[in-house]
Protein backbone atom coordinates (compact mmCIF):
# COMPACT_ATOMS: atom_id res chain seq x y z
CA MET A 1 0.00 0.00 0.00
CA LYS A 2 2.81 2.35 0.89
CA GLN A 3 4.51 1.64 -2.44
CA THR A 4 1.28 2.40 -4.32
CA THR A 5 0.92 5.72 -2.48
CA ASN A 6 4.49 6.72 -3.39
CA ILE A 7 3.90 5.90 -7.05
CA LEU A 8 0.71 7.98 -7.11
CA LEU A 9 2.46 10.87 -5.35
CA PHE A 10 5.32 10.75 -7.87
CA ALA A 11 2.87 10.71 -10.79
CA ALA A 12 0.95 13.69 -9.35
CA THR A 13 4.20 15.62 -8.90
CA VAL A 14 5.25 14.97 -12.50
CA LEU A 15 1.81 15.99 -13.78
CA THR A 16 1.84 19.22 -11.72
CA ALA A 17 5.32 20.11 -12.97
CA SER A 18 4.24 19.46 -16.56
CA LEU A 19 1.20 21.68 -16.18
CA MET A 20 3.29 24.47 -14.66
CA LEU A 21 5.78 24.26 -17.52
CA SER A 22 2.99 24.31 -20.09
CA CYS A 23 1.62 27.52 -18.54
CA GLN A 24 4.89 29.41 -18.90
CA PRO A 25 4.81 31.88 -21.80
CA LYS A 26 6.88 31.01 -24.85
CA ALA A 27 10.05 33.07 -25.11
CA TYR A 28 9.99 35.49 -28.03
CA THR A 29 12.43 34.91 -30.85
CA GLU A 30 13.63 37.42 -33.43
CA ASP A 31 11.24 35.89 -35.98
CA ASP A 32 8.28 36.60 -33.68
CA VAL A 33 9.02 40.35 -33.63
CA PHE A 34 10.79 41.20 -36.87
CA ALA A 35 9.83 40.34 -40.44
CA LYS A 36 12.50 39.66 -43.05
CA GLU A 37 13.20 41.77 -46.13
CA THR A 38 12.69 38.60 -48.18
CA GLU A 39 9.04 38.70 -47.06
CA LEU A 40 8.32 42.14 -48.55
CA ALA A 41 6.66 40.81 -51.68
CA GLU A 42 4.25 38.77 -49.57
CA LEU A 43 3.60 41.60 -47.11
CA THR A 44 2.74 44.08 -49.88
CA LYS A 45 1.05 41.74 -52.35
CA ASP A 46 -2.34 43.48 -51.91
CA GLY A 47 -1.01 46.78 -53.21
CA ARG A 48 2.12 48.74 -54.05
CA LEU A 49 5.29 49.78 -52.24
CA TYR A 50 6.09 53.42 -53.09
CA HIS A 51 9.42 55.21 -52.77
CA LEU A 52 9.06 58.03 -50.24
CA GLN A 53 9.25 60.92 -52.71
CA GLU A 54 7.05 59.02 -55.14
CA PHE A 55 4.47 58.60 -52.37
CA VAL A 56 4.47 62.34 -51.59
CA ASP A 57 4.31 63.29 -55.26
CA SER A 58 1.44 60.85 -55.87
CA PHE A 59 -0.81 61.76 -52.96
CA MET A 60 0.06 65.23 -51.59
CA THR A 61 -1.49 68.22 -53.40
CA GLU A 62 -1.01 71.92 -52.78
CA ASP A 63 -4.47 72.59 -51.30
CA GLY A 64 -5.17 69.09 -50.08
CA ASN A 65 -8.67 67.62 -49.99
CA TYR A 66 -9.57 68.66 -46.44
CA MET A 67 -10.50 72.28 -46.89
CA ASP A 68 -13.71 74.03 -47.78
CA ASP A 69 -15.35 77.37 -46.99
CA SER A 70 -16.65 76.23 -43.60
CA THR A 71 -13.69 74.23 -42.26
CA ARG A 72 -10.42 75.77 -43.30
CA TYR A 73 -6.74 75.31 -42.55
CA ARG A 74 -5.06 77.74 -40.20
CA THR A 75 -5.48 81.24 -41.57
CA ARG A 76 -1.71 81.69 -41.48
CA SER A 77 -1.42 78.86 -44.00
CA THR A 78 -1.61 81.07 -47.10
CA ILE A 79 -1.68 84.64 -48.32
CA GLY A 80 -3.87 83.62 -51.24
CA ASN A 81 -1.01 83.08 -53.68
CA GLY A 82 -1.65 79.38 -54.26
CA ILE A 83 1.02 78.23 -51.77
CA GLN A 84 -0.16 76.49 -48.59
CA MET A 85 2.04 76.06 -45.50
CA PHE A 86 -0.48 73.54 -44.12
CA SER A 87 -2.30 70.85 -46.07
CA ILE A 88 -4.04 67.49 -45.61
CA ASP A 89 -4.71 64.84 -48.27
CA THR A 90 -6.57 61.80 -46.94
CA LEU A 91 -5.67 58.37 -48.26
CA PRO A 92 -8.31 55.75 -49.13
CA ALA A 93 -9.00 53.26 -46.35
CA ASP A 94 -10.11 50.58 -48.80
CA GLY A 95 -8.72 49.40 -52.10
CA PRO A 96 -5.16 48.41 -52.95
CA GLY A 97 -2.60 48.71 -50.17
CA ILE A 98 -0.46 51.86 -50.16
CA TYR A 99 2.92 51.07 -48.60
CA ILE A 100 6.08 53.03 -47.81
CA MET A 101 9.29 51.83 -46.21
CA GLY A 102 12.21 53.61 -44.57
CA ARG A 103 14.81 53.37 -41.85
CA VAL A 104 14.37 55.44 -38.67
CA THR A 105 16.95 58.25 -38.48
CA THR A 106 15.81 59.91 -35.24
CA ASP A 107 15.88 59.03 -31.56
CA ASP A 108 13.63 60.66 -28.96
CA TYR A 109 15.79 59.71 -25.94
CA GLY A 110 17.46 63.14 -25.95
CA GLY A 111 14.07 64.86 -25.88
CA ASN A 112 14.51 66.79 -29.13
CA TYR A 113 12.04 64.67 -31.11
CA TYR A 114 8.68 64.48 -29.36
CA LYS A 115 6.11 62.07 -30.80
CA ALA A 116 7.79 62.23 -34.17
CA LEU A 117 10.04 60.06 -36.32
CA VAL A 118 11.90 60.62 -39.56
CA ILE A 119 12.52 57.72 -41.93
CA GLN A 120 15.10 57.46 -44.71
CA GLU A 121 15.16 55.55 -47.97
CA ILE A 122 18.11 55.46 -50.37
CA VAL A 123 17.02 55.57 -54.01
CA GLY A 124 19.63 55.71 -56.74
CA GLY A 125 22.30 56.48 -54.13
CA LYS A 126 20.41 59.53 -52.82
CA GLN A 127 18.36 60.12 -49.68
CA GLN A 128 14.60 60.37 -49.63
CA ASN A 129 13.08 61.21 -46.24
CA LEU A 130 9.68 61.64 -44.61
CA ARG A 131 8.47 62.77 -41.19
CA LEU A 132 5.98 60.60 -39.29
CA SER A 133 3.73 62.31 -36.76
CA ILE A 134 2.70 59.68 -34.17
CA ASP A 135 0.97 59.94 -30.81
CA ILE A 136 3.42 57.67 -28.99
CA GLY A 137 5.57 58.79 -26.06
CA SER A 138 9.09 57.32 -25.96
CA ALA A 139 8.56 55.96 -29.46
CA GLY A 140 12.28 55.22 -29.70
CA GLY A 141 11.80 52.28 -27.34
CA THR A 142 9.91 50.39 -30.05
CA TYR A 143 10.93 52.19 -33.24
CA GLN A 144 14.64 52.44 -32.59
CA ILE A 145 17.10 54.43 -34.63
CA GLY A 146 18.26 52.27 -37.53
CA GLN A 147 15.03 50.22 -37.60
CA LEU A 148 13.50 49.56 -41.02
CA LEU A 149 9.73 50.20 -41.02
CA LEU A 150 7.12 49.04 -43.52
CA ILE A 151 3.97 51.20 -43.16
CA ARG A 152 0.54 50.57 -44.68
CA CYS A 153 -0.78 54.10 -45.26
CA ASN A 154 -4.41 53.32 -46.10
CA GLY A 155 -6.81 55.35 -43.98
CA LEU A 156 -4.08 57.83 -42.97
CA ALA A 157 -3.19 61.16 -44.55
CA VAL A 158 -0.19 62.96 -46.00
CA GLY A 159 0.17 66.68 -45.48
CA ARG A 160 2.38 69.61 -44.58
CA TYR A 161 2.88 71.22 -41.20
CA ALA A 162 4.81 74.47 -41.61
CA ASN A 163 5.63 73.32 -45.14
CA GLN A 164 7.21 70.08 -43.89
CA PRO A 165 5.68 66.95 -45.48
CA GLN A 166 4.60 64.18 -43.11
CA LEU A 167 2.47 61.10 -42.70
CA CYS A 168 -0.35 62.10 -40.37
CA VAL A 169 -4.10 62.22 -39.67
CA PRO A 170 -6.39 65.28 -39.87
CA SER A 171 -6.50 67.31 -36.65
CA TYR A 172 -8.60 70.36 -35.83
CA ASN A 173 -7.08 72.97 -33.53
CA ASN A 174 -9.77 74.85 -31.60
CA ASN A 175 -7.51 76.44 -28.97
CA THR A 176 -8.95 79.94 -28.98
CA LEU A 177 -6.70 80.91 -26.05
CA ALA A 178 -3.42 80.26 -27.88
CA MET A 179 -1.07 83.08 -28.80
CA HIS A 180 -2.22 84.39 -32.20
CA ALA A 181 -5.21 82.05 -31.94
CA ASP A 182 -6.90 83.90 -34.80
CA GLU A 183 -4.14 82.55 -37.08
CA LYS A 184 -3.97 79.03 -35.65
CA VAL A 185 -7.54 77.74 -35.30
CA GLY A 186 -8.28 75.32 -38.14
CA TRP A 187 -7.27 72.01 -39.68
CA THR A 188 -3.65 70.85 -39.52
CA PRO A 189 -1.79 67.56 -39.85
CA GLY A 190 -2.10 65.71 -36.53
CA ARG A 191 -0.49 62.74 -34.81
CA ILE A 192 -1.46 59.22 -35.84
CA PRO A 193 -3.04 57.44 -32.82
CA ALA A 194 -0.73 54.84 -31.28
CA GLU A 195 -2.95 51.81 -31.87
CA ILE A 196 -3.41 52.70 -35.55
CA PHE A 197 0.30 53.28 -36.19
CA ILE A 198 1.26 50.05 -34.41
CA ARG A 199 -1.33 48.08 -36.40
CA ASN A 200 -0.17 49.56 -39.71
CA THR A 201 3.58 49.19 -39.12
CA THR A 202 5.80 46.13 -39.55
CA LEU A 203 9.37 45.98 -38.23
CA ILE A 204 11.67 44.67 -40.96
CA GLY A 205 14.86 43.11 -39.61
CA THR A 206 16.60 44.39 -36.49
CA PRO A 207 17.82 47.98 -35.93
CA ASP A 208 21.07 48.70 -37.77
CA VAL A 209 22.43 52.25 -37.40
CA SER A 210 25.36 51.39 -39.68
CA LYS A 211 22.93 51.48 -42.61
CA LEU A 212 21.98 55.11 -42.05
CA VAL A 213 23.38 57.40 -44.74
CA TYR A 214 24.61 60.89 -43.84
CA GLU A 215 25.26 63.58 -46.39
CA GLU A 216 28.56 64.96 -45.13
CA MET A 217 29.50 68.46 -46.18
CA THR A 218 31.31 71.57 -45.10
CA MET A 219 29.48 74.74 -44.15
CA GLN A 220 30.34 76.16 -47.57
CA GLN A 221 28.86 73.11 -49.30
CA LEU A 222 25.74 73.24 -47.10
CA TYR A 223 25.16 76.82 -48.16
CA GLU A 224 25.88 76.25 -51.85
CA ARG A 225 23.76 73.10 -52.15
CA TYR A 226 20.73 73.97 -50.08
CA LEU A 227 20.64 77.36 -48.39
CA LYS A 228 21.87 79.88 -50.96
CA ASP A 229 18.68 80.01 -53.02
CA TYR A 230 16.73 81.24 -49.99
CA ASP A 231 18.80 84.42 -49.92
CA ASP A 232 18.29 85.03 -53.65
CA ALA A 233 16.08 88.10 -54.08
CA SER A 234 14.96 87.04 -57.56
CA LEU A 235 13.60 83.74 -56.23
CA LYS A 236 11.65 85.56 -53.53
CA ALA A 237 9.63 87.33 -56.20
CA ALA A 238 5.94 86.44 -56.06
CA SER A 239 6.09 84.47 -59.30
CA GLN A 240 9.06 82.35 -58.16
CA ARG A 241 8.35 81.56 -54.50
CA HIS A 242 6.67 78.25 -55.21
CA ILE A 243 10.02 76.93 -56.49
CA LEU A 244 11.68 77.51 -53.12
CA PHE A 245 8.86 75.93 -51.14
CA GLU A 246 8.74 72.89 -53.39
CA LYS A 247 12.50 72.48 -53.11
CA ALA A 248 12.30 72.75 -49.31
CA ARG A 249 9.72 69.96 -49.22
CA GLU A 250 11.97 67.63 -51.20
CA ILE A 251 14.99 68.33 -49.01
CA ASP A 252 13.14 68.21 -45.68
CA GLY A 253 14.28 65.47 -43.33
CA LEU A 254 17.74 65.10 -44.89
CA LEU A 255 20.20 63.39 -42.53
CA VAL A 256 23.36 65.50 -42.55
CA ARG A 257 26.79 65.79 -41.00
CA VAL A 258 28.14 69.34 -41.30
CA THR A 259 31.87 69.72 -40.69
CA ASP A 260 34.30 72.62 -40.10
CA CYS A 261 31.90 74.54 -37.88
CA HIS A 262 31.77 76.16 -34.45
CA PHE A 263 29.07 77.90 -32.44
CA THR A 264 29.15 81.68 -32.50
CA GLY A 265 27.36 82.50 -29.25
CA GLN A 266 24.45 84.00 -31.20
CA TYR A 267 20.74 83.25 -31.21
CA SER A 268 18.12 83.85 -33.87
CA LYS A 269 16.20 87.04 -33.11
CA TYR A 270 13.31 86.94 -35.55
CA GLY A 271 15.63 85.45 -38.15
CA VAL A 272 18.57 87.79 -37.50
CA PRO A 273 21.71 86.80 -35.50
CA ASP A 274 22.05 88.52 -32.12
CA THR A 275 24.52 87.97 -29.26
CA CYS A 276 23.47 85.54 -26.55
CA THR A 277 23.32 86.75 -22.98
CA THR A 278 24.77 84.85 -20.01
CA GLY A 279 21.81 84.74 -17.65
CA ASP A 280 19.84 81.96 -16.02
CA PRO A 281 18.19 79.93 -18.82
CA GLU A 282 15.15 79.35 -16.61
CA LEU A 283 14.53 83.11 -16.79
CA ASP A 284 16.61 84.45 -19.68
CA GLN A 285 15.20 83.46 -23.09
CA ASN A 286 18.43 84.50 -24.84
CA ALA A 287 20.93 82.70 -22.60
CA ASN A 288 23.98 81.06 -24.19
CA VAL A 289 22.73 77.50 -23.79
CA PHE A 290 21.19 75.25 -26.43
CA ALA A 291 17.57 76.06 -25.54
CA PRO A 292 16.61 78.35 -22.65
CA THR A 293 13.01 78.80 -21.60
CA THR A 294 10.31 79.96 -23.99
CA THR A 295 7.93 80.20 -21.01
CA ASN A 296 6.46 76.89 -22.19
CA LEU A 297 5.53 78.12 -25.66
CA ASN A 298 7.96 75.43 -26.87
CA PHE A 299 9.03 76.88 -30.17
CA PRO A 300 12.46 75.57 -31.29
CA GLN A 301 15.38 77.66 -30.10
CA GLY A 302 17.95 78.50 -32.75
CA ARG A 303 21.69 78.85 -32.06
CA PHE A 304 24.10 79.77 -34.85
CA ILE A 305 27.07 77.81 -36.11
CA ALA A 306 29.59 79.23 -38.57
CA ASP A 307 32.48 78.24 -40.79
CA PRO A 308 36.04 79.17 -39.62
CA SER A 309 35.83 82.61 -41.25
CA GLU A 310 32.31 83.19 -39.83
CA SER A 311 31.17 84.28 -43.28
CA ILE A 312 28.57 81.47 -43.51
CA LEU A 313 26.00 80.88 -40.78
CA ALA A 314 23.45 78.16 -40.16
CA ILE A 315 21.13 77.33 -37.27
CA VAL A 316 21.13 74.42 -34.83
CA SER A 317 17.65 73.90 -33.40
CA THR A 318 16.80 72.52 -29.94
CA SER A 319 13.63 72.15 -27.89
CA GLU A 320 13.55 73.66 -24.40
CA TYR A 321 12.43 70.20 -23.22
CA ALA A 322 15.53 68.45 -24.56
CA LYS A 323 17.67 66.84 -21.86
CA TYR A 324 20.65 68.95 -22.91
CA SER A 325 18.75 72.23 -23.33
CA HIS A 326 20.54 74.00 -20.46
CA TYR A 327 24.08 73.00 -21.38
CA TYR A 328 26.34 75.85 -22.42
CA LEU A 329 27.10 76.17 -26.10
CA PRO A 330 30.49 74.57 -26.88
CA SER A 331 33.19 77.01 -25.80
CA ALA A 332 36.26 77.46 -23.65
CA ILE A 333 34.96 78.86 -20.36
CA THR A 334 37.16 80.98 -18.11
CA VAL A 335 36.32 82.85 -14.92
CA ASP A 336 37.93 86.18 -14.09
CA SER A 337 38.87 87.51 -10.67
CA LEU A 338 35.38 88.91 -10.19
CA GLY A 339 33.81 85.52 -10.82
CA VAL A 340 32.47 86.51 -14.24
CA LYS A 341 32.42 83.75 -16.88
CA HIS A 342 33.88 84.39 -20.33
CA PHE A 343 33.18 82.19 -23.35
CA ASP A 344 35.48 81.59 -26.31
CA TYR A 345 33.22 79.84 -28.82
CA ALA A 346 35.84 79.54 -31.58
CA ALA A 347 38.02 77.46 -29.27
CA TYR A 348 36.01 74.33 -30.07
CA SER A 349 35.03 73.19 -33.54
CA GLY A 350 34.11 70.05 -35.41
CA SER A 351 30.91 68.58 -36.84
CA VAL A 352 27.18 68.67 -36.13
CA GLU A 353 24.82 65.86 -37.14
CA GLY A 354 21.05 65.90 -37.39
CA ILE A 355 17.96 66.43 -39.52
CA LEU A 356 17.86 69.35 -41.95
CA GLY A 357 14.54 71.16 -42.19
CA TYR A 358 12.91 74.41 -43.30
CA TYR A 359 10.13 75.30 -40.84
CA PHE A 360 7.88 77.99 -42.32
CA ASP A 361 4.59 78.27 -40.46
CA LYS A 362 3.41 81.79 -41.30
CA ALA A 363 2.69 82.51 -44.95
CA SER A 364 2.77 86.29 -44.46
CA ASP A 365 6.50 86.02 -43.66
CA GLN A 366 7.02 85.60 -47.40
CA GLU A 367 6.68 89.39 -47.60
CA ASP A 368 9.47 90.00 -45.04
CA ALA A 369 13.00 89.62 -46.40
CA THR A 370 14.49 89.15 -42.91
CA GLN A 371 12.17 86.18 -42.28
CA TYR A 372 12.18 84.62 -45.72
CA SER A 373 15.83 83.60 -45.80
CA SER A 374 18.37 80.81 -45.36
CA TYR A 375 18.00 81.28 -41.59
CA LYS A 376 14.68 79.44 -41.76
CA TRP A 377 16.75 76.29 -42.34
CA ALA A 378 17.98 74.45 -39.26
CA ILE A 379 19.82 71.29 -38.27
CA THR A 380 18.07 69.48 -35.42
CA PRO A 381 20.36 67.07 -33.51
CA ARG A 382 18.97 63.90 -31.94
CA ASP A 383 20.89 64.60 -28.74
CA MET A 384 24.18 66.12 -27.62
CA GLY A 385 26.03 63.07 -28.93
CA ASP A 386 25.48 64.51 -32.42
CA ILE A 387 27.92 67.33 -31.67
CA HIS A 388 31.53 66.23 -32.16
CA PHE A 389 33.81 69.12 -31.18
CA HIS A 390 37.44 69.40 -30.10
CA ASP A 391 39.96 72.15 -29.37
CA ALA A 392 43.10 72.99 -31.34
CA GLN A 393 45.06 70.32 -29.46
CA GLY A 394 42.52 67.63 -30.31
CA ASN A 395 40.94 67.46 -26.87
CA ASP A 396 37.24 66.59 -26.95
CA TRP A 397 34.73 69.20 -25.84
CA VAL A 398 33.34 68.34 -22.40
CA PRO A 399 29.73 69.56 -21.98
CA VAL A 400 29.05 71.88 -19.03
CA GLU A 401 25.54 72.43 -17.70
CA TYR A 402 24.46 75.84 -16.51
CA SER A 403 24.63 76.26 -12.74
CA LYS A 404 23.93 79.27 -10.59
CA ASN A 405 27.03 78.34 -8.61
């Protein structure tokens, strides 16, 4: 009897252990999370995979299809000259699949890209890029830099926010208490809800930052290739402006590495360089850090970089909510006998990486030569690791955060 009891007890123990093991969740493998590039034909068989610029050219129109006399875009979108700073074109929810694919070039860990991604595709050896507006906090945790994304665009929209093309959904801004609310109430491109973006997006392969392509150039080359036309008075003429805006849309989102530059200690004062102050960035909107307070208005703060001769200037753009916003601009910092700090910005130079963009959100600025210029262009770093500076002896720049002490 005792032997029978022991056998039954052993059998019950084995059965219990088996049941416990069967209840344990299966460990994920790479194949469970990531699709393979060899599967693209199967994944897109119900439609067509477009190149990024081809997608924009095929579906984005100047006026969009989301505007009529009763529900208009923001009033600052146009001055009635046929050029819209804001637009929305909805994409059919049914019918053949509309697909795009690109590799993520941005990372929101540094806080400079909030609920937004940029993807890159290389076509014929050249970059094509597109912004994605998504309502996902810490999106970089899932859509990491270097990750290849396949996106089914049906039911979404493509449009322009401040002349920058993006994949989006229609959004109506009814904030009548906003600054210049009379110019801002209306339809604009909005963020794609998280559950919709997740459902429509397939991760292809694992993240590989080595496959990102940077266009590396000097400050002189940056100006000659992309910025110079925006200082050309003849192209600002009413009959020619559309050329500049169309060119800006094609270039927007370009991943760049600009060499031979240093910060100048200047900020953008309504599009014109002015000397930074040295106050507390929590109080002083012009302090010599990457992005002092805007009193929570959260417009990008521009800080100028220049070539060695300081004859060519460009802007580096940072959000006041970036983790590095209150770090001093790269410089050699000395303190005199009175405890006053002095900043030698030319002491450190090197390269700046980031996304090139031309943010133009107020159509009436077309009539103002100081606003309608190359200084509307800006390079937006992902984080402070995109700034590679050193002194004349080759010593790396060591970031210093503002401190009252």
